[in-house]
């Protein structure tokens, strides 16, 4: 898994924007949403996570991160 790679998830194919120890930042191009995926893991075919947030804009995502 690396930044810039497209991966399959339960939410469809997404682009990895950032990888942190506890979460991923993803972008779903089809839905035009940013995803903060908490507690992530992967197997041979998919990336999945325990919970997260879905944001309709980059500004919403930044606010949720407290930056």
N, C-alpha and C. Protein backbone atom coordinates (compact mmCIF):
# COMPACT_ATOMS: atom_id res chain seq x y z
N UNK A 1 0.85 -1.16 0.00
CA UNK A 1 0.00 0.00 0.00
C UNK A 1 0.90 1.23 0.00
N UNK A 2 0.59 2.18 -0.90
CA UNK A 2 1.36 3.41 -0.94
C UNK A 2 0.51 4.56 -1.47
N UNK A 3 0.91 5.76 -1.15
CA UNK A 3 0.21 6.96 -1.59
C UNK A 3 0.20 6.99 -3.11
N UNK A 4 -0.96 7.34 -3.66
CA UNK A 4 -1.12 7.42 -5.11
C UNK A 4 -1.66 6.15 -5.73
N UNK A 5 -1.73 5.07 -4.96
CA UNK A 5 -2.24 3.80 -5.48
C UNK A 5 -3.76 3.75 -5.36
N UNK A 6 -4.38 3.13 -6.33
CA UNK A 6 -5.83 2.89 -6.29
C UNK A 6 -6.05 1.51 -5.69
N UNK A 7 -6.99 1.43 -4.75
CA UNK A 7 -7.28 0.16 -4.09
C UNK A 7 -8.79 -0.07 -4.05
N UNK A 8 -9.18 -1.32 -3.96
CA UNK A 8 -10.58 -1.68 -3.82
C UNK A 8 -10.97 -1.72 -2.36
N UNK A 9 -12.18 -1.20 -2.09
CA UNK A 9 -12.73 -1.18 -0.73
C UNK A 9 -14.22 -1.50 -0.82
N UNK A 10 -14.86 -1.60 0.32
CA UNK A 10 -16.31 -1.76 0.35
C UNK A 10 -17.03 -0.55 -0.21
N UNK A 11 -16.34 0.59 -0.25
CA UNK A 11 -16.90 1.83 -0.81
C UNK A 11 -16.57 1.99 -2.29
N UNK A 12 -15.99 0.96 -2.90
CA UNK A 12 -15.58 1.04 -4.30
C UNK A 12 -14.09 1.29 -4.41
N UNK A 13 -13.64 1.61 -5.63
CA UNK A 13 -12.23 1.90 -5.84
C UNK A 13 -11.92 3.31 -5.35
N UNK A 14 -10.85 3.44 -4.57
CA UNK A 14 -10.46 4.73 -4.03
C UNK A 14 -8.97 4.96 -4.25
N UNK A 15 -8.59 6.22 -4.15
CA UNK A 15 -7.20 6.64 -4.29
C UNK A 15 -6.65 6.92 -2.89
N UNK A 16 -5.48 6.37 -2.57
CA UNK A 16 -4.84 6.63 -1.28
C UNK A 16 -4.12 7.98 -1.35
N UNK A 17 -4.52 8.91 -0.47
CA UNK A 17 -3.91 10.23 -0.42
C UNK A 17 -2.87 10.35 0.68
N UNK A 18 -3.07 9.63 1.79
CA UNK A 18 -2.14 9.71 2.92
C UNK A 18 -2.26 8.44 3.75
N UNK A 19 -1.14 8.03 4.32
CA UNK A 19 -1.10 6.86 5.19
C UNK A 19 -0.51 7.28 6.53
N UNK A 20 -1.29 7.14 7.57
CA UNK A 20 -0.85 7.41 8.94
C UNK A 20 -0.91 6.11 9.73
N UNK A 21 -0.34 6.12 10.92
CA UNK A 21 -0.33 4.90 11.75
C UNK A 21 -1.74 4.39 12.03
N UNK A 22 -2.66 5.30 12.37
CA UNK A 22 -4.00 4.91 12.81
C UNK A 22 -5.10 5.09 11.77
N UNK A 23 -4.79 5.77 10.67
CA UNK A 23 -5.84 6.01 9.68
C UNK A 23 -5.25 6.26 8.29
N UNK A 24 -6.12 6.13 7.30
CA UNK A 24 -5.81 6.46 5.91
C UNK A 24 -6.67 7.63 5.49
N UNK A 25 -6.16 8.44 4.57
CA UNK A 25 -6.99 9.44 3.90
C UNK A 25 -7.14 8.94 2.47
N UNK A 26 -8.39 8.77 2.06
CA UNK A 26 -8.72 8.22 0.75
C UNK A 26 -9.60 9.20 -0.01
N UNK A 27 -9.65 9.03 -1.33
CA UNK A 27 -10.57 9.82 -2.15
C UNK A 27 -11.32 8.89 -3.08
N UNK A 28 -12.64 8.97 -3.01
CA UNK A 28 -13.52 8.20 -3.88
C UNK A 28 -13.90 9.11 -5.05
N UNK A 29 -13.28 8.86 -6.20
CA UNK A 29 -13.51 9.73 -7.36
C UNK A 29 -14.94 9.64 -7.89
N UNK A 30 -15.54 8.48 -7.78
CA UNK A 30 -16.91 8.31 -8.28
C UNK A 30 -17.89 9.15 -7.47
N UNK A 31 -17.76 9.13 -6.15
CA UNK A 31 -18.67 9.88 -5.27
C UNK A 31 -18.17 11.27 -4.93
N UNK A 32 -16.94 11.58 -5.34
CA UNK A 32 -16.31 12.88 -5.04
C UNK A 32 -16.27 13.12 -3.54
N UNK A 33 -15.87 12.10 -2.77
CA UNK A 33 -15.79 12.21 -1.32
C UNK A 33 -14.41 11.83 -0.82
N UNK A 34 -14.00 12.55 0.22
CA UNK A 34 -12.80 12.19 0.96
C UNK A 34 -13.21 11.26 2.09
N UNK A 35 -12.36 10.32 2.44
CA UNK A 35 -12.66 9.36 3.49
C UNK A 35 -11.49 9.31 4.46
N UNK A 36 -11.79 9.43 5.75
CA UNK A 36 -10.79 9.17 6.78
C UNK A 36 -11.13 7.78 7.32
N UNK A 37 -10.28 6.81 7.02
CA UNK A 37 -10.54 5.42 7.35
C UNK A 37 -9.73 5.03 8.59
N UNK A 38 -10.42 4.89 9.72
CA UNK A 38 -9.77 4.57 10.99
C UNK A 38 -9.63 3.06 11.16
N UNK A 39 -8.55 2.64 11.78
CA UNK A 39 -8.35 1.22 12.08
C UNK A 39 -8.32 0.38 10.83
N UNK A 40 -7.53 0.74 9.86
CA UNK A 40 -7.52 0.08 8.56
C UNK A 40 -6.67 -1.20 8.56
N UNK A 41 -6.95 -2.03 7.60
CA UNK A 41 -6.19 -3.25 7.35
C UNK A 41 -6.41 -3.61 5.89
N UNK A 42 -5.69 -4.60 5.40
CA UNK A 42 -5.88 -5.02 4.02
C UNK A 42 -5.63 -6.51 3.90
N UNK A 43 -6.23 -7.10 2.88
CA UNK A 43 -5.91 -8.47 2.51
C UNK A 43 -5.43 -8.43 1.06
N UNK A 44 -5.42 -9.55 0.39
CA UNK A 44 -4.90 -9.60 -0.97
C UNK A 44 -5.70 -8.76 -1.97
N UNK A 45 -6.98 -8.56 -1.68
CA UNK A 45 -7.85 -7.92 -2.68
C UNK A 45 -8.42 -6.57 -2.26
N UNK A 46 -8.54 -6.32 -0.94
CA UNK A 46 -9.25 -5.12 -0.50
C UNK A 46 -8.58 -4.46 0.70
N UNK A 47 -8.88 -3.18 0.85
CA UNK A 47 -8.56 -2.43 2.06
C UNK A 47 -9.89 -2.23 2.79
N UNK A 48 -9.85 -2.39 4.09
CA UNK A 48 -11.07 -2.20 4.88
C UNK A 48 -10.70 -1.50 6.18
N UNK A 49 -11.72 -0.95 6.86
CA UNK A 49 -11.50 -0.19 8.08
C UNK A 49 -12.65 -0.37 9.03
N UNK A 50 -12.40 -0.02 10.32
CA UNK A 50 -13.38 -0.20 11.38
C UNK A 50 -14.39 0.92 11.48
N UNK A 51 -14.03 2.09 11.11
CA UNK A 51 -14.93 3.24 11.17
C UNK A 51 -14.24 4.42 10.51
N UNK A 52 -14.99 5.44 10.27
CA UNK A 52 -14.38 6.60 9.64
C UNK A 52 -15.37 7.68 9.36
N UNK A 53 -14.90 8.67 8.63
CA UNK A 53 -15.75 9.79 8.25
C UNK A 53 -15.69 10.02 6.76
N UNK A 54 -16.80 10.53 6.23
CA UNK A 54 -16.92 10.84 4.81
C UNK A 54 -17.14 12.34 4.67
N UNK A 55 -16.37 12.98 3.79
CA UNK A 55 -16.39 14.44 3.68
C UNK A 55 -16.57 14.84 2.23
N UNK A 56 -17.43 15.83 2.01
CA UNK A 56 -17.74 16.28 0.66
C UNK A 56 -16.77 17.32 0.13
N UNK A 57 -15.88 17.81 0.98
CA UNK A 57 -14.89 18.79 0.52
C UNK A 57 -13.59 18.60 1.30
N UNK A 58 -12.53 19.10 0.72
CA UNK A 58 -11.23 19.05 1.38
C UNK A 58 -11.25 19.87 2.67
N UNK A 59 -11.97 20.99 2.66
CA UNK A 59 -12.07 21.84 3.84
C UNK A 59 -12.71 21.10 5.00
N UNK A 60 -13.78 20.33 4.73
CA UNK A 60 -14.43 19.54 5.78
C UNK A 60 -13.46 18.52 6.36
N UNK A 61 -12.69 17.87 5.51
CA UNK A 61 -11.71 16.89 5.95
C UNK A 61 -10.67 17.54 6.85
N UNK A 62 -10.12 18.67 6.45
CA UNK A 62 -9.11 19.38 7.24
C UNK A 62 -9.66 19.78 8.61
N UNK A 63 -10.89 20.28 8.63
CA UNK A 63 -11.52 20.66 9.91
C UNK A 63 -11.64 19.45 10.82
N UNK A 64 -12.01 18.30 10.28
CA UNK A 64 -12.19 17.10 11.11
C UNK A 64 -10.87 16.62 11.70
N UNK A 65 -9.77 16.93 11.03
CA UNK A 65 -8.44 16.53 11.51
C UNK A 65 -7.89 17.52 12.53
N UNK A 66 -8.57 18.65 12.70
CA UNK A 66 -8.14 19.67 13.65
C UNK A 66 -6.91 20.43 13.20
N UNK A 67 -6.76 20.56 11.89
CA UNK A 67 -5.60 21.27 11.35
C UNK A 67 -5.94 22.69 10.98
